Structure formats: structure tokens, C-alpha cells
Amino acid sequence: MNGKKLLWITLGCLQLGVILFFGYRLFEEYKELEYRESKKAALEHEKEDLHQKIEQRRDFLDRLGRDTEFQDAVVRRQLGYAKEGEAVFHFQPIQQD
């Protein structure tokens, strides 16, 4: 009887150890999952911001390519050309035949 009781206690302790070990591993994996989900949400937000920046720059380049008044305004603003009151001349590109 004493040997059987010792066997059951040993098996119970072993099972408890296994449960504790896997419970701890499960808890650690859950924390890792939460971290990765929060990182994913942050990256999704950053991705949306980058898509907005891309759209803004695409619109800017498109407008810069077709709107001469906008080109003049950009040149004045970014490069400091043409002060107020000065005339801005537009030259047509020379076409070579």
C-alpha cells in the first residue's frame, strides 16, 4: 500500500509539474501574441500614414507636371526665385524636327 501511495504521489507531482511548465509556456506565448498584435496594429497605422504620404506626393508631382502656375509657385516657394512684383516668363520648349 505504501508503494502504491508513493507511486500516486509521484505521478501527481509529475503531472502538476507538467501542468505548471506548460501553463507557464502558454502564458509566455500569450504575452508574445499580445506584443505581436500591438506591433501589427502600429505597423498598420504606419502603413496607412505612408500610403497617405505617397498619395500626397503623387498628387503633387501630377499637379507639378501639368499646372504651370503651380510650378511657378513651387519654384518661388522652394528655391526663392521671383520676388513679388516681378514678372515670370514662360518659355515653350524647342521642338526639334
PDB file of N, CA and C in Angstrom:
ATOM      1  N   MET A   1       0.821  -1.185   0.000  1.00  0.00           N
ATOM      2  CA  MET A   1       0.000   0.000   0.000  1.00  0.00           C
ATOM      3  C   MET A   1       0.866   1.250   0.000  1.00  0.00           C
ATOM      4  N   ASN A   2       1.923   1.216   0.757  1.00  0.00           N
ATOM      5  CA  ASN A   2       2.801   2.365   0.864  1.00  0.00           C
ATOM      6  C   ASN A   2       3.481   2.642  -0.478  1.00  0.00           C
ATOM      7  N   GLY A   3       3.834   1.605  -1.210  1.00  0.00           N
ATOM      8  CA  GLY A   3       4.461   1.760  -2.530  1.00  0.00           C
ATOM      9  C   GLY A   3       3.497   2.336  -3.534  1.00  0.00           C
ATOM     10  N   LYS A   4       2.214   1.892  -3.473  1.00  0.00           N
ATOM     11  CA  LYS A   4       1.196   2.416  -4.372  1.00  0.00           C
ATOM     12  C   LYS A   4       0.938   3.889  -4.099  1.00  0.00           C
ATOM     13  N   LYS A   5       0.871   4.229  -2.818  1.00  0.00           N
ATOM     14  CA  LYS A   5       0.618   5.615  -2.426  1.00  0.00           C
ATOM     15  C   LYS A   5       1.768   6.511  -2.899  1.00  0.00           C
ATOM     16  N   LEU A   6       2.977   6.038  -2.752  1.00  0.00           N
ATOM     17  CA  LEU A   6       4.159   6.784  -3.187  1.00  0.00           C
ATOM     18  C   LEU A   6       4.150   6.953  -4.707  1.00  0.00           C
ATOM     19  N   LEU A   7       3.720   5.916  -5.425  1.00  0.00           N
ATOM     20  CA  LEU A   7       3.622   5.987  -6.880  1.00  0.00           C
ATOM     21  C   LEU A   7       2.597   7.046  -7.296  1.00  0.00           C
ATOM     22  N   TRP A   8       1.427   7.039  -6.646  1.00  0.00           N
ATOM     23  CA  TRP A   8       0.394   8.025  -6.964  1.00  0.00           C
ATOM     24  C   TRP A   8       0.851   9.452  -6.638  1.00  0.00           C
ATOM     25  N   ILE A   9       1.544   9.624  -5.554  1.00  0.00           N
ATOM     26  CA  ILE A   9       2.056  10.950  -5.188  1.00  0.00           C
ATOM     27  C   ILE A   9       3.096  11.405  -6.207  1.00  0.00           C
ATOM     28  N   THR A  10       3.953  10.488  -6.608  1.00  0.00           N
ATOM     29  CA  THR A  10       4.974  10.814  -7.603  1.00  0.00           C
ATOM     30  C   THR A  10       4.328  11.187  -8.932  1.00  0.00           C
ATOM     31  N   LEU A  11       3.341  10.387  -9.355  1.00  0.00           N
ATOM     32  CA  LEU A  11       2.644  10.698 -10.609  1.00  0.00           C
ATOM     33  C   LEU A  11       1.899  12.025 -10.516  1.00  0.00           C
ATOM     34  N   GLY A  12       1.275  12.286  -9.379  1.00  0.00           N
ATOM     35  CA  GLY A  12       0.567  13.549  -9.179  1.00  0.00           C
ATOM     36  C   GLY A  12       1.518  14.738  -9.234  1.00  0.00           C
ATOM     37  N   CYS A  13       2.670  14.616  -8.580  1.00  0.00           N
ATOM     38  CA  CYS A  13       3.670  15.697  -8.617  1.00  0.00           C
ATOM     39  C   CYS A  13       4.196  15.903 -10.031  1.00  0.00           C
ATOM     40  N   LEU A  14       4.411  14.793 -10.732  1.00  0.00           N
ATOM     41  CA  LEU A  14       4.885  14.879 -12.108  1.00  0.00           C
ATOM     42  C   LEU A  14       3.859  15.579 -12.992  1.00  0.00           C
ATOM     43  N   GLN A  15       2.589  15.207 -12.831  1.00  0.00           N
ATOM     44  CA  GLN A  15       1.535  15.856 -13.611  1.00  0.00           C
ATOM     45  C   GLN A  15       1.422  17.340 -13.264  1.00  0.00           C
ATOM     46  N   LEU A  16       1.532  17.658 -11.993  1.00  0.00           N
ATOM     47  CA  LEU A  16       1.481  19.046 -11.565  1.00  0.00           C
ATOM     48  C   LEU A  16       2.643  19.831 -12.161  1.00  0.00           C
ATOM     49  N   GLY A  17       3.824  19.229 -12.177  1.00  0.00           N
ATOM     50  CA  GLY A  17       4.987  19.883 -12.790  1.00  0.00           C
ATOM     51  C   GLY A  17       4.790  20.133 -14.276  1.00  0.00           C
ATOM     52  N   VAL A  18       4.252  19.120 -14.959  1.00  0.00           N
ATOM     53  CA  VAL A  18       3.995  19.258 -16.395  1.00  0.00           C
ATOM     54  C   VAL A  18       2.962  20.355 -16.641  1.00  0.00           C
ATOM     55  N   ILE A  19       1.907  20.371 -15.845  1.00  0.00           N
ATOM     56  CA  ILE A  19       0.865  21.397 -15.981  1.00  0.00           C
ATOM     57  C   ILE A  19       1.436  22.782 -15.727  1.00  0.00           C
ATOM     58  N   LEU A  20       2.251  22.917 -14.693  1.00  0.00           N
ATOM     59  CA  LEU A  20       2.862  24.210 -14.407  1.00  0.00           C
ATOM     60  C   LEU A  20       3.804  24.650 -15.527  1.00  0.00           C
ATOM     61  N   PHE A  21       4.597  23.712 -16.027  1.00  0.00           N
ATOM     62  CA  PHE A  21       5.525  24.037 -17.107  1.00  0.00           C
ATOM     63  C   PHE A  21       4.776  24.513 -18.351  1.00  0.00           C
ATOM     64  N   PHE A  22       3.780  23.745 -18.786  1.00  0.00           N
ATOM     65  CA  PHE A  22       3.047  24.123 -19.987  1.00  0.00           C
ATOM     66  C   PHE A  22       2.156  25.342 -19.746  1.00  0.00           C
ATOM     67  N   GLY A  23       1.678  25.514 -18.531  1.00  0.00           N
ATOM     68  CA  GLY A  23       0.918  26.715 -18.206  1.00  0.00           C
ATOM     69  C   GLY A  23       1.780  27.961 -18.309  1.00  0.00           C
ATOM     70  N   TYR A  24       3.000  27.865 -17.807  1.00  0.00           N
ATOM     71  CA  TYR A  24       3.933  28.984 -17.915  1.00  0.00           C
ATOM     72  C   TYR A  24       4.260  29.271 -19.376  1.00  0.00           C
ATOM     73  N   ARG A  25       4.518  28.212 -20.153  1.00  0.00           N
ATOM     74  CA  ARG A  25       4.805  28.397 -21.586  1.00  0.00           C
ATOM     75  C   ARG A  25       3.622  29.023 -22.309  1.00  0.00           C
ATOM     76  N   LEU A  26       2.409  28.610 -21.961  1.00  0.00           N
ATOM     77  CA  LEU A  26       1.210  29.170 -22.573  1.00  0.00           C
ATOM     78  C   LEU A  26       1.089  30.652 -22.232  1.00  0.00           C
ATOM     79  N   PHE A  27       1.353  31.008 -20.988  1.00  0.00           N
ATOM     80  CA  PHE A  27       1.299  32.398 -20.561  1.00  0.00           C
ATOM     81  C   PHE A  27       2.324  33.235 -21.330  1.00  0.00           C
ATOM     82  N   GLU A  28       3.537  32.722 -21.492  1.00  0.00           N
ATOM     83  CA  GLU A  28       4.576  33.436 -22.235  1.00  0.00           C
ATOM     84  C   GLU A  28       4.184  33.601 -23.706  1.00  0.00           C
ATOM     85  N   GLU A  29       3.618  32.569 -24.285  1.00  0.00           N
ATOM     86  CA  GLU A  29       3.176  32.650 -25.680  1.00  0.00           C
ATOM     87  C   GLU A  29       2.040  33.651 -25.835  1.00  0.00           C
ATOM     88  N   TYR A  30       1.157  33.722 -24.852  1.00  0.00           N
ATOM     89  CA  TYR A  30       0.057  34.686 -24.892  1.00  0.00           C
ATOM     90  C   TYR A  30       0.603  36.111 -24.829  1.00  0.00           C
ATOM     91  N   LYS A  31       1.601  36.342 -23.972  1.00  0.00           N
ATOM     92  CA  LYS A  31       2.218  37.663 -23.908  1.00  0.00           C
ATOM     93  C   LYS A  31       2.882  38.014 -25.232  1.00  0.00           C
ATOM     94  N   GLU A  32       3.537  37.054 -25.840  1.00  0.00           N
ATOM     95  CA  GLU A  32       4.175  37.268 -27.145  1.00  0.00           C
ATOM     96  C   GLU A  32       3.124  37.584 -28.209  1.00  0.00           C
ATOM     97  N   LEU A  33       2.007  36.894 -28.177  1.00  0.00           N
ATOM     98  CA  LEU A  33       0.924  37.149 -29.118  1.00  0.00           C
ATOM     99  C   LEU A  33       0.385  38.567 -28.952  1.00  0.00           C
ATOM    100  N   GLU A  34       0.171  38.994 -27.733  1.00  0.00           N
ATOM    101  CA  GLU A  34      -0.301  40.356 -27.482  1.00  0.00           C
ATOM    102  C   GLU A  34       0.690  41.383 -28.004  1.00  0.00           C
ATOM    103  N   TYR A  35       1.975  41.146 -27.774  1.00  0.00           N
ATOM    104  CA  TYR A  35       3.007  42.062 -28.252  1.00  0.00           C
ATOM    105  C   TYR A  35       2.979  42.144 -29.776  1.00  0.00           C
ATOM    106  N   ARG A  36       2.894  40.990 -30.420  1.00  0.00           N
ATOM    107  CA  ARG A  36       2.893  40.980 -31.887  1.00  0.00           C
ATOM    108  C   ARG A  36       1.637  41.624 -32.463  1.00  0.00           C
ATOM    109  N   GLU A  37       0.497  41.445 -31.798  1.00  0.00           N
ATOM    110  CA  GLU A  37      -0.729  42.090 -32.275  1.00  0.00           C
ATOM    111  C   GLU A  37      -0.642  43.605 -32.137  1.00  0.00           C
ATOM    112  N   SER A  38      -0.067  44.084 -31.035  1.00  0.00           N
ATOM    113  CA  SER A  38       0.071  45.532 -30.871  1.00  0.00           C
ATOM    114  C   SER A  38       1.084  46.079 -31.881  1.00  0.00           C
ATOM    115  N   LYS A  39       2.142  45.321 -32.144  1.00  0.00           N
ATOM    116  CA  LYS A  39       3.128  45.723 -33.150  1.00  0.00           C
ATOM    117  C   LYS A  39       2.484  45.750 -34.530  1.00  0.00           C
ATOM    118  N   LYS A  40       1.625  44.778 -34.809  1.00  0.00           N
ATOM    119  CA  LYS A  40       0.933  44.731 -36.092  1.00  0.00           C
ATOM    120  C   LYS A  40       0.031  45.945 -36.253  1.00  0.00           C
ATOM    121  N   ALA A  41      -0.686  46.311 -35.193  1.00  0.00           N
ATOM    122  CA  ALA A  41      -1.564  47.477 -35.253  1.00  0.00           C
ATOM    123  C   ALA A  41      -0.752  48.745 -35.502  1.00  0.00           C
ATOM    124  N   ALA A  42       0.394  48.863 -34.844  1.00  0.00           N
ATOM    125  CA  ALA A  42       1.246  50.036 -35.051  1.00  0.00           C
ATOM    126  C   ALA A  42       1.768  50.079 -36.485  1.00  0.00           C
ATOM    127  N   LEU A  43       2.156  48.924 -37.014  1.00  0.00           N
ATOM    128  CA  LEU A  43       2.641  48.878 -38.387  1.00  0.00           C
ATOM    129  C   LEU A  43       1.532  49.173 -39.394  1.00  0.00           C
ATOM    130  N   GLU A  44       0.325  48.717 -39.114  1.00  0.00           N
ATOM    131  CA  GLU A  44      -0.810  49.030 -39.988  1.00  0.00           C
ATOM    132  C   GLU A  44      -1.056  50.540 -40.012  1.00  0.00           C
ATOM    133  N   HIS A  45      -0.970  51.159 -38.837  1.00  0.00           N
ATOM    134  CA  HIS A  45      -1.158  52.605 -38.756  1.00  0.00           C
ATOM    135  C   HIS A  45      -0.061  53.327 -39.542  1.00  0.00           C
ATOM    136  N   GLU A  46       1.171  52.876 -39.385  1.00  0.00           N
ATOM    137  CA  GLU A  46       2.289  53.471 -40.118  1.00  0.00           C
ATOM    138  C   GLU A  46       2.117  53.261 -41.622  1.00  0.00           C
ATOM    139  N   LYS A  47       1.621  52.091 -42.007  1.00  0.00           N
ATOM    140  CA  LYS A  47       1.378  51.798 -43.421  1.00  0.00           C
ATOM    141  C   LYS A  47       0.351  52.757 -44.002  1.00  0.00           C
ATOM    142  N   GLU A  48      -0.720  53.024 -43.255  1.00  0.00           N
ATOM    143  CA  GLU A  48      -1.737  53.969 -43.720  1.00  0.00           C
ATOM    144  C   GLU A  48      -1.158  55.372 -43.868  1.00  0.00           C
ATOM    145  N   ASP A  49      -0.330  55.778 -42.902  1.00  0.00           N
ATOM    146  CA  ASP A  49       0.321  57.092 -42.996  1.00  0.00           C
ATOM    147  C   ASP A  49       1.201  57.181 -44.232  1.00  0.00           C
ATOM    148  N   LEU A  50       1.942  56.113 -44.508  1.00  0.00           N
ATOM    149  CA  LEU A  50       2.817  56.108 -45.676  1.00  0.00           C
ATOM    150  C   LEU A  50       2.017  56.129 -46.979  1.00  0.00           C
ATOM    151  N   HIS A  51       0.878  55.429 -46.986  1.00  0.00           N
ATOM    152  CA  HIS A  51       0.022  55.469 -48.181  1.00  0.00           C
ATOM    153  C   HIS A  51      -0.503  56.883 -48.408  1.00  0.00           C
ATOM    154  N   GLN A  52      -0.862  57.578 -47.337  1.00  0.00           N
ATOM    155  CA  GLN A  52      -1.324  58.955 -47.479  1.00  0.00           C
ATOM    156  C   GLN A  52      -0.208  59.850 -48.013  1.00  0.00           C
ATOM    157  N   LYS A  53       1.003  59.666 -47.504  1.00  0.00           N
ATOM    158  CA  LYS A  53       2.130  60.465 -47.991  1.00  0.00           C
ATOM    159  C   LYS A  53       2.406  60.189 -49.459  1.00  0.00           C
ATOM    160  N   ILE A  54       2.309  58.926 -49.842  1.00  0.00           N
ATOM    161  CA  ILE A  54       2.524  58.566 -51.246  1.00  0.00           C
ATOM    162  C   ILE A  54       1.475  59.246 -52.122  1.00  0.00           C
ATOM    163  N   GLU A  55       0.224  59.209 -51.700  1.00  0.00           N
ATOM    164  CA  GLU A  55      -0.842  59.850 -52.469  1.00  0.00           C
ATOM    165  C   GLU A  55      -0.620  61.353 -52.570  1.00  0.00           C
ATOM    166  N   GLN A  56      -0.214  61.979 -51.462  1.00  0.00           N
ATOM    167  CA  GLN A  56       0.039  63.415 -51.485  1.00  0.00           C
ATOM    168  C   GLN A  56       1.171  63.749 -52.449  1.00  0.00           C
ATOM    169  N   ARG A  57       2.240  62.962 -52.401  1.00  0.00           N
ATOM    170  CA  ARG A  57       3.366  63.225 -53.302  1.00  0.00           C
ATOM    171  C   ARG A  57       3.010  62.923 -54.751  1.00  0.00           C
ATOM    172  N   ARG A  58       2.204  61.903 -54.963  1.00  0.00           N
ATOM    173  CA  ARG A  58       1.763  61.585 -56.322  1.00  0.00           C
ATOM    174  C   ARG A  58       0.910  62.728 -56.875  1.00  0.00           C
ATOM    175  N   ASP A  59       0.001  63.246 -56.047  1.00  0.00           N
ATOM    176  CA  ASP A  59      -0.811  64.387 -56.472  1.00  0.00           C
ATOM    177  C   ASP A  59       0.062  65.611 -56.735  1.00  0.00           C
ATOM    178  N   PHE A  60       1.041  65.834 -55.845  1.00  0.00           N
ATOM    179  CA  PHE A  60       1.948  66.968 -56.014  1.00  0.00           C
ATOM    180  C   PHE A  60       2.705  66.860 -57.331  1.00  0.00           C
ATOM    181  N   LEU A  61       3.271  65.690 -57.620  1.00  0.00           N
ATOM    182  CA  LEU A  61       4.025  65.507 -58.862  1.00  0.00           C
ATOM    183  C   LEU A  61       3.130  65.607 -60.094  1.00  0.00           C
ATOM    184  N   ASP A  62       1.925  65.083 -59.998  1.00  0.00           N
ATOM    185  CA  ASP A  62       0.988  65.167 -61.110  1.00  0.00           C
ATOM    186  C   ASP A  62       0.638  66.626 -61.390  1.00  0.00           C
ATOM    187  N   ARG A  63       0.333  67.350 -60.340  1.00  0.00           N
ATOM    188  CA  ARG A  63      -0.010  68.770 -60.496  1.00  0.00           C
ATOM    189  C   ARG A  63       1.204  69.557 -60.969  1.00  0.00           C
ATOM    190  N   LEU A  64       2.372  69.213 -60.490  1.00  0.00           N
ATOM    191  CA  LEU A  64       3.592  69.891 -60.903  1.00  0.00           C
ATOM    192  C   LEU A  64       3.868  69.675 -62.382  1.00  0.00           C
ATOM    193  N   GLY A  65       3.493  68.517 -62.893  1.00  0.00           N
ATOM    194  CA  GLY A  65       3.728  68.211 -64.296  1.00  0.00           C
ATOM    195  C   GLY A  65       2.763  68.878 -65.255  1.00  0.00           C
ATOM    196  N   ARG A  66       1.592  69.275 -64.800  1.00  0.00           N
ATOM    197  CA  ARG A  66       0.604  69.812 -65.735  1.00  0.00           C
ATOM    198  C   ARG A  66       0.166  71.249 -65.460  1.00  0.00           C
ATOM    199  N   ASP A  67       0.454  71.805 -64.300  1.00  0.00           N
ATOM    200  CA  ASP A  67      -0.026  73.138 -63.945  1.00  0.00           C
ATOM    201  C   ASP A  67       1.155  74.107 -63.842  1.00  0.00           C
ATOM    202  N   THR A  68       1.284  74.992 -64.843  1.00  0.00           N
ATOM    203  CA  THR A  68       2.435  75.900 -64.864  1.00  0.00           C
ATOM    204  C   THR A  68       2.381  76.930 -63.738  1.00  0.00           C
ATOM    205  N   GLU A  69       1.209  77.371 -63.371  1.00  0.00           N
ATOM    206  CA  GLU A  69       1.118  78.324 -62.252  1.00  0.00           C
ATOM    207  C   GLU A  69       1.585  77.674 -60.946  1.00  0.00           C
ATOM    208  N   PHE A  70       1.240  76.419 -60.789  1.00  0.00           N
ATOM    209  CA  PHE A  70       1.690  75.687 -59.601  1.00  0.00           C
ATOM    210  C   PHE A  70       3.206  75.514 -59.633  1.00  0.00           C
ATOM    211  N   GLN A  71       3.756  75.248 -60.815  1.00  0.00           N
ATOM    212  CA  GLN A  71       5.206  75.143 -60.955  1.00  0.00           C
ATOM    213  C   GLN A  71       5.889  76.436 -60.517  1.00  0.00           C
ATOM    214  N   ASP A  72       5.343  77.560 -60.972  1.00  0.00           N
ATOM    215  CA  ASP A  72       5.919  78.848 -60.593  1.00  0.00           C
ATOM    216  C   ASP A  72       5.851  79.067 -59.092  1.00  0.00           C
ATOM    217  N   ALA A  73       4.725  78.710 -58.507  1.00  0.00           N
ATOM    218  CA  ALA A  73       4.570  78.887 -57.056  1.00  0.00           C
ATOM    219  C   ALA A  73       5.561  78.010 -56.296  1.00  0.00           C
ATOM    220  N   VAL A  74       5.765  76.796 -56.775  1.00  0.00           N
ATOM    221  CA  VAL A  74       6.712  75.884 -56.110  1.00  0.00           C
ATOM    222  C   VAL A  74       8.130  76.413 -56.244  1.00  0.00           C
ATOM    223  N   VAL A  75       8.478  76.893 -57.415  1.00  0.00           N
ATOM    224  CA  VAL A  75       9.824  77.429 -57.620  1.00  0.00           C
ATOM    225  C   VAL A  75      10.041  78.635 -56.722  1.00  0.00           C
ATOM    226  N   ARG A  76       9.058  79.510 -56.658  1.00  0.00           N
ATOM    227  CA  ARG A  76       9.188  80.680 -55.786  1.00  0.00           C
ATOM    228  C   ARG A  76       9.334  80.267 -54.323  1.00  0.00           C
ATOM    229  N   ARG A  77       8.510  79.346 -53.923  1.00  0.00           N
ATOM    230  CA  ARG A  77       8.500  78.944 -52.513  1.00  0.00           C
ATOM    231  C   ARG A  77       9.749  78.151 -52.135  1.00  0.00           C
ATOM    232  N   GLN A  78      10.125  77.180 -52.937  1.00  0.00           N
ATOM    233  CA  GLN A  78      11.209  76.286 -52.547  1.00  0.00           C
ATOM    234  C   GLN A  78      12.598  76.789 -52.931  1.00  0.00           C
ATOM    235  N   LEU A  79      12.691  77.507 -54.029  1.00  0.00           N
ATOM    236  CA  LEU A  79      14.009  77.937 -54.482  1.00  0.00           C
ATOM    237  C   LEU A  79      14.253  79.426 -54.269  1.00  0.00           C
ATOM    238  N   GLY A  80      13.213  80.145 -53.913  1.00  0.00           N
ATOM    239  CA  GLY A  80      13.368  81.562 -53.620  1.00  0.00           C
ATOM    240  C   GLY A  80      13.503  82.440 -54.852  1.00  0.00           C
ATOM    241  N   TYR A  81      13.049  81.987 -56.003  1.00  0.00           N
ATOM    242  CA  TYR A  81      13.101  82.797 -57.212  1.00  0.00           C
ATOM    243  C   TYR A  81      11.894  83.708 -57.301  1.00  0.00           C
ATOM    244  N   ALA A  82      12.014  84.764 -58.079  1.00  0.00           N
ATOM    245  CA  ALA A  82      10.942  85.703 -58.411  1.00  0.00           C
ATOM    246  C   ALA A  82      10.310  86.325 -57.174  1.00  0.00           C
ATOM    247  N   LYS A  83      10.733  87.525 -56.910  1.00  0.00           N
ATOM    248  CA  LYS A  83      10.152  88.262 -55.793  1.00  0.00           C
ATOM    249  C   LYS A  83       8.808  88.824 -56.205  1.00  0.00           C
ATOM    250  N   GLU A  84       8.069  89.327 -55.240  1.00  0.00           N
ATOM    251  CA  GLU A  84       6.757  89.906 -55.545  1.00  0.00           C
ATOM    252  C   GLU A  84       6.911  91.114 -56.442  1.00  0.00           C
ATOM    253  N   GLY A  85       6.037  91.217 -57.404  1.00  0.00           N
ATOM    254  CA  GLY A  85       6.080  92.322 -58.340  1.00  0.00           C
ATOM    255  C   GLY A  85       6.900  92.025 -59.585  1.00  0.00           C
ATOM    256  N   GLU A  86       7.658  90.991 -59.581  1.00  0.00           N
ATOM    257  CA  GLU A  86       8.457  90.635 -60.745  1.00  0.00           C
ATOM    258  C   GLU A  86       7.614  89.810 -61.714  1.00  0.00           C
ATOM    259  N   ALA A  87       7.934  89.929 -62.969  1.00  0.00           N
ATOM    260  CA  ALA A  87       7.215  89.176 -63.993  1.00  0.00           C
ATOM    261  C   ALA A  87       7.859  87.798 -64.149  1.00  0.00           C
ATOM    262  N   VAL A  88       7.028  86.807 -64.382  1.00  0.00           N
ATOM    263  CA  VAL A  88       7.514  85.453 -64.613  1.00  0.00           C
ATOM    264  C   VAL A  88       7.230  85.119 -66.070  1.00  0.00           C
ATOM    265  N   PHE A  89       8.255  84.717 -66.798  1.00  0.00           N
ATOM    266  CA  PHE A  89       8.120  84.391 -68.207  1.00  0.00           C
ATOM    267  C   PHE A  89       8.100  82.881 -68.385  1.00  0.00           C
ATOM    268  N   HIS A  90       7.222  82.442 -69.257  1.00  0.00           N
ATOM    269  CA  HIS A  90       7.131  81.019 -69.590  1.00  0.00           C
ATOM    270  C   HIS A  90       7.676  80.822 -70.998  1.00  0.00           C
ATOM    271  N   PHE A  91       8.596  79.926 -71.145  1.00  0.00           N
ATOM    272  CA  PHE A  91       9.180  79.634 -72.449  1.00  0.00           C
ATOM    273  C   PHE A  91       8.720  78.259 -72.894  1.00  0.00           C
ATOM    274  N   GLN A  92       8.308  78.189 -74.115  1.00  0.00           N
ATOM    275  CA  GLN A  92       7.897  76.921 -74.680  1.00  0.00           C
ATOM    276  C   GLN A  92       9.146  76.124 -75.039  1.00  0.00           C
ATOM    277  N   PRO A  93       9.115  74.819 -74.830  1.00  0.00           N
ATOM    278  CA  PRO A  93      10.284  74.013 -75.190  1.00  0.00           C
ATOM    279  C   PRO A  93      10.480  74.003 -76.698  1.00  0.00           C
ATOM    280  N   ILE A  94      11.726  73.999 -77.121  1.00  0.00           N
ATOM    281  CA  ILE A  94      12.055  73.986 -78.551  1.00  0.00           C
ATOM    282  C   ILE A  94      11.840  72.562 -79.066  1.00  0.00           C
ATOM    283  N   GLN A  95      11.076  72.498 -80.165  1.00  0.00           N
ATOM    284  CA  GLN A  95      10.817  71.211 -80.763  1.00  0.00           C
ATOM    285  C   GLN A  95      11.793  70.979 -81.899  1.00  0.00           C
ATOM    286  N   GLN A  96      12.480  69.884 -81.869  1.00  0.00           N
ATOM    287  CA  GLN A  96      13.436  69.583 -82.933  1.00  0.00           C
ATOM    288  C   GLN A  96      12.815  68.585 -83.893  1.00  0.00           C
ATOM    289  N   ASP A  97      12.937  68.892 -85.171  1.00  0.00           N
ATOM    290  CA  ASP A  97      12.349  68.010 -86.197  1.00  0.00           C
ATOM    291  C   ASP A  97      13.308  66.984 -86.678  1.00  0.00           C
TER     292      ASP A  97
END
